[in-house]
Amino acid sequence: MPDAQISQSHQSTSNLAAIGLEKQPSLLCEPQEAHVLIVEDDNGSREFPLGGDVYSLGRDPESDIRLFSLFVSRRHATLVRREHEDGSYDYEIVDGNLKGQLSANGILINGQKLQAHTLKNEDEVEFGPGVSAKYLLKRKEQKSGPLDPFDITLINPSWVDEEE
């Protein structure tokens, strides 16, 4: 399903260097959290894993996350990644595009009409009748002990003192 795919510019760090947003090597390790946007519209429910710097949302076929509904603007909203000093990040949703052009109907976040909002786990965004998104922040818990039940240490019997 090509409409549910995220554009290549969000998957390549070489494009980020061209606009001065190159990632530091220490930030490229396995993330401790997963950011997901679940969209519901006229085409049903779709899940978008987030990790890029900027995503456009709207009816426009060129949108990074396309919304299927006549009640949605072509460039309805924008998601912007905000980095923290500890290496974690979150996303801010902005009504319209980053040039200040607002959508026709605005966005409701958890029932409140806002022009911008830093998303928190389980925030609900409404773009229009029948068109919504839910933001999920899944934190990966560090488990103590072996991650694999077959990950064991074998001991050579000659290492054990047998006193009988």
C-alpha atoms as a PDB file:
ATOM      1  CA  MET A   1       0.000   0.000   0.000  1.00  0.00           C
ATOM      2  CA  PRO A   2       2.073   2.980  -1.205  1.00  0.00           C
ATOM      3  CA  ASP A   3      -0.035   5.619   0.561  1.00  0.00           C
ATOM      4  CA  ALA A   4       0.825   4.177   3.969  1.00  0.00           C
ATOM      5  CA  GLN A   5       4.554   4.416   3.383  1.00  0.00           C
ATOM      6  CA  ILE A   6       6.701   7.209   4.696  1.00  0.00           C
ATOM      7  CA  SER A   7       8.769   9.137   2.183  1.00  0.00           C
ATOM      8  CA  GLN A   8      12.383   8.129   1.641  1.00  0.00           C
ATOM      9  CA  SER A   9      13.636  11.490   2.989  1.00  0.00           C
ATOM     10  CA  HIS A  10      12.725  10.368   6.522  1.00  0.00           C
ATOM     11  CA  GLN A  11      14.703   7.157   6.231  1.00  0.00           C
ATOM     12  CA  SER A  12      17.982   8.556   4.973  1.00  0.00           C
ATOM     13  CA  THR A  13      20.486  10.453   7.095  1.00  0.00           C
ATOM     14  CA  SER A  14      22.285  11.719   3.970  1.00  0.00           C
ATOM     15  CA  ASN A  15      19.355  14.031   3.177  1.00  0.00           C
ATOM     16  CA  LEU A  16      19.466  15.356   6.742  1.00  0.00           C
ATOM     17  CA  ALA A  17      23.087  16.447   6.393  1.00  0.00           C
ATOM     18  CA  ALA A  18      22.149  18.649   3.436  1.00  0.00           C
ATOM     19  CA  ILE A  19      19.821  20.716   5.629  1.00  0.00           C
ATOM     20  CA  GLY A  20      22.042  20.687   8.716  1.00  0.00           C
ATOM     21  CA  LEU A  21      20.132  18.051  10.718  1.00  0.00           C
ATOM     22  CA  GLU A  22      22.673  15.245  10.631  1.00  0.00           C
ATOM     23  CA  LYS A  23      22.389  12.827  13.546  1.00  0.00           C
ATOM     24  CA  GLN A  24      25.224  12.341  15.989  1.00  0.00           C
ATOM     25  CA  PRO A  25      26.609   8.785  15.970  1.00  0.00           C
ATOM     26  CA  SER A  26      25.693   8.304  19.644  1.00  0.00           C
ATOM     27  CA  LEU A  27      22.024   8.862  18.795  1.00  0.00           C
ATOM     28  CA  LEU A  28      21.955   6.140  16.140  1.00  0.00           C
ATOM     29  CA  CYS A  29      22.027   3.295  18.650  1.00  0.00           C
ATOM     30  CA  GLU A  30      18.917   1.204  19.288  1.00  0.00           C
ATOM     31  CA  PRO A  31      16.183   3.527  20.575  1.00  0.00           C
ATOM     32  CA  GLN A  32      14.782   3.033  24.082  1.00  0.00           C
ATOM     33  CA  GLU A  33      11.369   4.223  22.936  1.00  0.00           C
ATOM     34  CA  ALA A  34       9.180   3.814  19.888  1.00  0.00           C
ATOM     35  CA  HIS A  35       6.946   6.624  18.625  1.00  0.00           C
ATOM     36  CA  VAL A  36       3.859   5.537  16.675  1.00  0.00           C
ATOM     37  CA  LEU A  37       0.962   7.414  15.085  1.00  0.00           C
ATOM     38  CA  ILE A  38      -2.204   5.394  14.453  1.00  0.00           C
ATOM     39  CA  VAL A  39      -4.411   7.130  11.875  1.00  0.00           C
ATOM     40  CA  GLU A  40      -8.101   6.414  11.271  1.00  0.00           C
ATOM     41  CA  ASP A  41      -9.792   7.900   8.206  1.00  0.00           C
ATOM     42  CA  ASP A  42     -11.948   6.901   5.230  1.00  0.00           C
ATOM     43  CA  ASN A  43      -9.372   4.196   4.329  1.00  0.00           C
ATOM     44  CA  GLY A  44      -9.502   2.544   7.758  1.00  0.00           C
ATOM     45  CA  SER A  45      -6.783   2.328  10.387  1.00  0.00           C
ATOM     46  CA  ARG A  46      -3.049   2.551   9.611  1.00  0.00           C
ATOM     47  CA  GLU A  47       0.006   2.616  11.858  1.00  0.00           C
ATOM     48  CA  PHE A  48       3.004   4.860  11.151  1.00  0.00           C
ATOM     49  CA  PRO A  49       6.265   4.366  13.065  1.00  0.00           C
ATOM     50  CA  LEU A  50       7.883   7.770  13.636  1.00  0.00           C
ATOM     51  CA  GLY A  51      11.590   8.525  13.711  1.00  0.00           C
ATOM     52  CA  GLY A  52      12.140  11.287  11.159  1.00  0.00           C
ATOM     53  CA  ASP A  53      12.511  15.002  11.813  1.00  0.00           C
ATOM     54  CA  VAL A  54       9.412  16.387  10.055  1.00  0.00           C
ATOM     55  CA  TYR A  55       6.205  14.797   8.726  1.00  0.00           C
ATOM     56  CA  SER A  56       3.467  16.518   6.750  1.00  0.00           C
ATOM     57  CA  LEU A  57      -0.093  15.262   7.301  1.00  0.00           C
ATOM     58  CA  GLY A  58      -2.950  15.981   4.940  1.00  0.00           C
ATOM     59  CA  ARG A  59      -5.035  15.109   1.923  1.00  0.00           C
ATOM     60  CA  ASP A  60      -2.248  16.014  -0.540  1.00  0.00           C
ATOM     61  CA  PRO A  61      -0.818  12.893  -2.259  1.00  0.00           C
ATOM     62  CA  GLU A  62       2.658  14.307  -1.520  1.00  0.00           C
ATOM     63  CA  SER A  63       2.024  14.294   2.261  1.00  0.00           C
ATOM     64  CA  ASP A  64       4.306  12.064   4.300  1.00  0.00           C
ATOM     65  CA  ILE A  65       1.259  10.745   6.153  1.00  0.00           C
ATOM     66  CA  ARG A  66      -1.724  10.977   3.846  1.00  0.00           C
ATOM     67  CA  LEU A  67      -5.186  11.485   5.352  1.00  0.00           C
ATOM     68  CA  PHE A  68      -8.096  10.236   3.260  1.00  0.00           C
ATOM     69  CA  SER A  69     -11.124  12.489   3.742  1.00  0.00           C
ATOM     70  CA  LEU A  70     -12.722  15.471   2.050  1.00  0.00           C
ATOM     71  CA  PHE A  71     -12.934  17.137   5.501  1.00  0.00           C
ATOM     72  CA  VAL A  72      -9.144  17.395   5.750  1.00  0.00           C
ATOM     73  CA  SER A  73      -6.955  20.141   4.282  1.00  0.00           C
ATOM     74  CA  ARG A  74      -4.282  19.271   1.732  1.00  0.00           C
ATOM     75  CA  ARG A  75      -1.631  20.331   4.268  1.00  0.00           C
ATOM     76  CA  HIS A  76      -3.569  19.903   7.479  1.00  0.00           C
ATOM     77  CA  ALA A  77      -0.817  19.497  10.095  1.00  0.00           C
ATOM     78  CA  THR A  78       2.899  18.972  10.615  1.00  0.00           C
ATOM     79  CA  LEU A  79       4.765  16.776  13.094  1.00  0.00           C
ATOM     80  CA  VAL A  80       8.153  18.122  14.223  1.00  0.00           C
ATOM     81  CA  ARG A  81      10.669  16.080  16.200  1.00  0.00           C
ATOM     82  CA  ARG A  82      12.104  17.865  19.262  1.00  0.00           C
ATOM     83  CA  GLU A  83      15.380  16.505  20.660  1.00  0.00           C
ATOM     84  CA  HIS A  84      16.238  16.509  24.381  1.00  0.00           C
ATOM     85  CA  GLU A  85      19.707  16.707  25.928  1.00  0.00           C
ATOM     86  CA  ASP A  86      19.470  13.138  27.249  1.00  0.00           C
ATOM     87  CA  GLY A  87      19.077  11.764  23.695  1.00  0.00           C
ATOM     88  CA  SER A  88      15.332  11.199  23.942  1.00  0.00           C
ATOM     89  CA  TYR A  89      12.860  13.099  21.800  1.00  0.00           C
ATOM     90  CA  ASP A  90       9.198  13.867  21.371  1.00  0.00           C
ATOM     91  CA  TYR A  91       6.961  15.241  18.643  1.00  0.00           C
ATOM     92  CA  GLU A  92       5.105  18.517  18.422  1.00  0.00           C
ATOM     93  CA  ILE A  93       2.053  18.709  16.185  1.00  0.00           C
ATOM     94  CA  VAL A  94       1.413  22.044  14.492  1.00  0.00           C
ATOM     95  CA  ASP A  95      -1.784  23.080  12.712  1.00  0.00           C
ATOM     96  CA  GLY A  96      -1.075  23.636   9.003  1.00  0.00           C
ATOM     97  CA  ASN A  97       2.439  23.847   7.634  1.00  0.00           C
ATOM     98  CA  LEU A  98       5.661  25.277   9.053  1.00  0.00           C
ATOM     99  CA  LYS A  99       5.256  28.461   6.990  1.00  0.00           C
ATOM    100  CA  GLY A 100       2.339  29.520   9.211  1.00  0.00           C
ATOM    101  CA  GLN A 101      -0.486  28.591   6.816  1.00  0.00           C
ATOM    102  CA  LEU A 102      -3.224  27.069   9.003  1.00  0.00           C
ATOM    103  CA  SER A 103      -5.624  24.311   7.989  1.00  0.00           C
ATOM    104  CA  ALA A 104      -9.252  25.187   7.234  1.00  0.00           C
ATOM    105  CA  ASN A 105     -10.736  23.331  10.229  1.00  0.00           C
ATOM    106  CA  GLY A 106      -7.830  23.252  12.688  1.00  0.00           C
ATOM    107  CA  ILE A 107      -6.894  20.361  14.945  1.00  0.00           C
ATOM    108  CA  LEU A 108      -8.380  19.167  18.221  1.00  0.00           C
ATOM    109  CA  ILE A 109      -6.001  17.560  20.684  1.00  0.00           C
ATOM    110  CA  ASN A 110      -7.820  15.629  23.394  1.00  0.00           C
ATOM    111  CA  GLY A 111     -10.935  17.672  22.599  1.00  0.00           C
ATOM    112  CA  GLN A 112      -9.260  21.120  22.715  1.00  0.00           C
ATOM    113  CA  LYS A 113      -8.648  23.233  19.625  1.00  0.00           C
ATOM    114  CA  LEU A 114      -4.941  24.094  19.604  1.00  0.00           C
ATOM    115  CA  GLN A 115      -2.501  25.440  17.021  1.00  0.00           C
ATOM    116  CA  ALA A 116       0.465  23.514  18.456  1.00  0.00           C
ATOM    117  CA  HIS A 117       0.972  20.838  21.092  1.00  0.00           C
ATOM    118  CA  THR A 118       3.793  18.598  22.291  1.00  0.00           C
ATOM    119  CA  LEU A 119       2.347  15.110  22.017  1.00  0.00           C
ATOM    120  CA  LYS A 120       2.195  12.830  25.023  1.00  0.00           C
ATOM    121  CA  ASN A 121       1.451   9.117  25.166  1.00  0.00           C
ATOM    122  CA  GLU A 122      -2.130   8.316  24.097  1.00  0.00           C
ATOM    123  CA  ASP A 123      -2.937  11.877  22.930  1.00  0.00           C
ATOM    124  CA  GLU A 124      -5.827  11.922  20.455  1.00  0.00           C
ATOM    125  CA  VAL A 125      -5.799  14.310  17.498  1.00  0.00           C
ATOM    126  CA  GLU A 126      -8.937  15.060  15.467  1.00  0.00           C
ATOM    127  CA  PHE A 127      -8.509  16.495  11.978  1.00  0.00           C
ATOM    128  CA  GLY A 128     -12.173  16.451  10.973  1.00  0.00           C
ATOM    129  CA  PRO A 129     -15.284  14.259  11.116  1.00  0.00           C
ATOM    130  CA  GLY A 130     -14.183  10.623  11.023  1.00  0.00           C
ATOM    131  CA  VAL A 131     -10.475  11.490  10.769  1.00  0.00           C
ATOM    132  CA  SER A 132      -8.304  11.092  13.849  1.00  0.00           C
ATOM    133  CA  ALA A 133      -4.937   9.902  15.079  1.00  0.00           C
ATOM    134  CA  LYS A 134      -3.633   8.461  18.310  1.00  0.00           C
ATOM    135  CA  TYR A 135      -0.030   9.034  19.378  1.00  0.00           C
ATOM    136  CA  LEU A 136       1.675   6.219  21.257  1.00  0.00           C
ATOM    137  CA  LEU A 137       5.026   6.336  22.990  1.00  0.00           C
ATOM    138  CA  LYS A 138       6.192   2.824  23.759  1.00  0.00           C
ATOM    139  CA  ARG A 139       9.110   2.710  26.155  1.00  0.00           C
ATOM    140  CA  LYS A 140      11.340  -0.342  25.997  1.00  0.00           C
ATOM    141  CA  GLU A 141      11.955  -1.682  29.483  1.00  0.00           C
ATOM    142  CA  GLN A 142      15.408  -2.903  30.358  1.00  0.00           C
ATOM    143  CA  LYS A 143      15.056  -6.435  31.708  1.00  0.00           C
ATOM    144  CA  SER A 144      17.429  -7.911  34.219  1.00  0.00           C
ATOM    145  CA  GLY A 145      18.667 -11.411  33.583  1.00  0.00           C
ATOM    146  CA  PRO A 146      19.089 -13.189  30.268  1.00  0.00           C
ATOM    147  CA  LEU A 147      16.983 -11.904  27.377  1.00  0.00           C
ATOM    148  CA  ASP A 148      16.984 -15.334  25.761  1.00  0.00           C
ATOM    149  CA  PRO A 149      15.966 -18.397  27.815  1.00  0.00           C
ATOM    150  CA  PHE A 150      18.620 -20.378  25.954  1.00  0.00           C
ATOM    151  CA  ASP A 151      21.333 -17.812  26.771  1.00  0.00           C
ATOM    152  CA  ILE A 152      23.172 -19.755  29.490  1.00  0.00           C
ATOM    153  CA  THR A 153      26.738 -20.094  30.650  1.00  0.00           C
ATOM    154  CA  LEU A 154      28.254 -23.542  30.276  1.00  0.00           C
ATOM    155  CA  ILE A 155      30.698 -24.638  32.949  1.00  0.00           C
ATOM    156  CA  ASN A 156      33.500 -27.054  32.299  1.00  0.00           C
ATOM    157  CA  PRO A 157      33.222 -29.892  34.892  1.00  0.00           C
ATOM    158  CA  SER A 158      36.955 -29.668  35.582  1.00  0.00           C
ATOM    159  CA  TRP A 159      36.361 -26.160  37.019  1.00  0.00           C
ATOM    160  CA  VAL A 160      34.172 -27.502  39.817  1.00  0.00           C
ATOM    161  CA  ASP A 161      35.721 -28.870  42.983  1.00  0.00           C
ATOM    162  CA  GLU A 162      34.084 -32.093  43.943  1.00  0.00           C
ATOM    163  CA  GLU A 163      34.659 -32.961  47.565  1.00  0.00           C
ATOM    164  CA  GLU A 164      33.012 -36.246  48.441  1.00  0.00           C
END
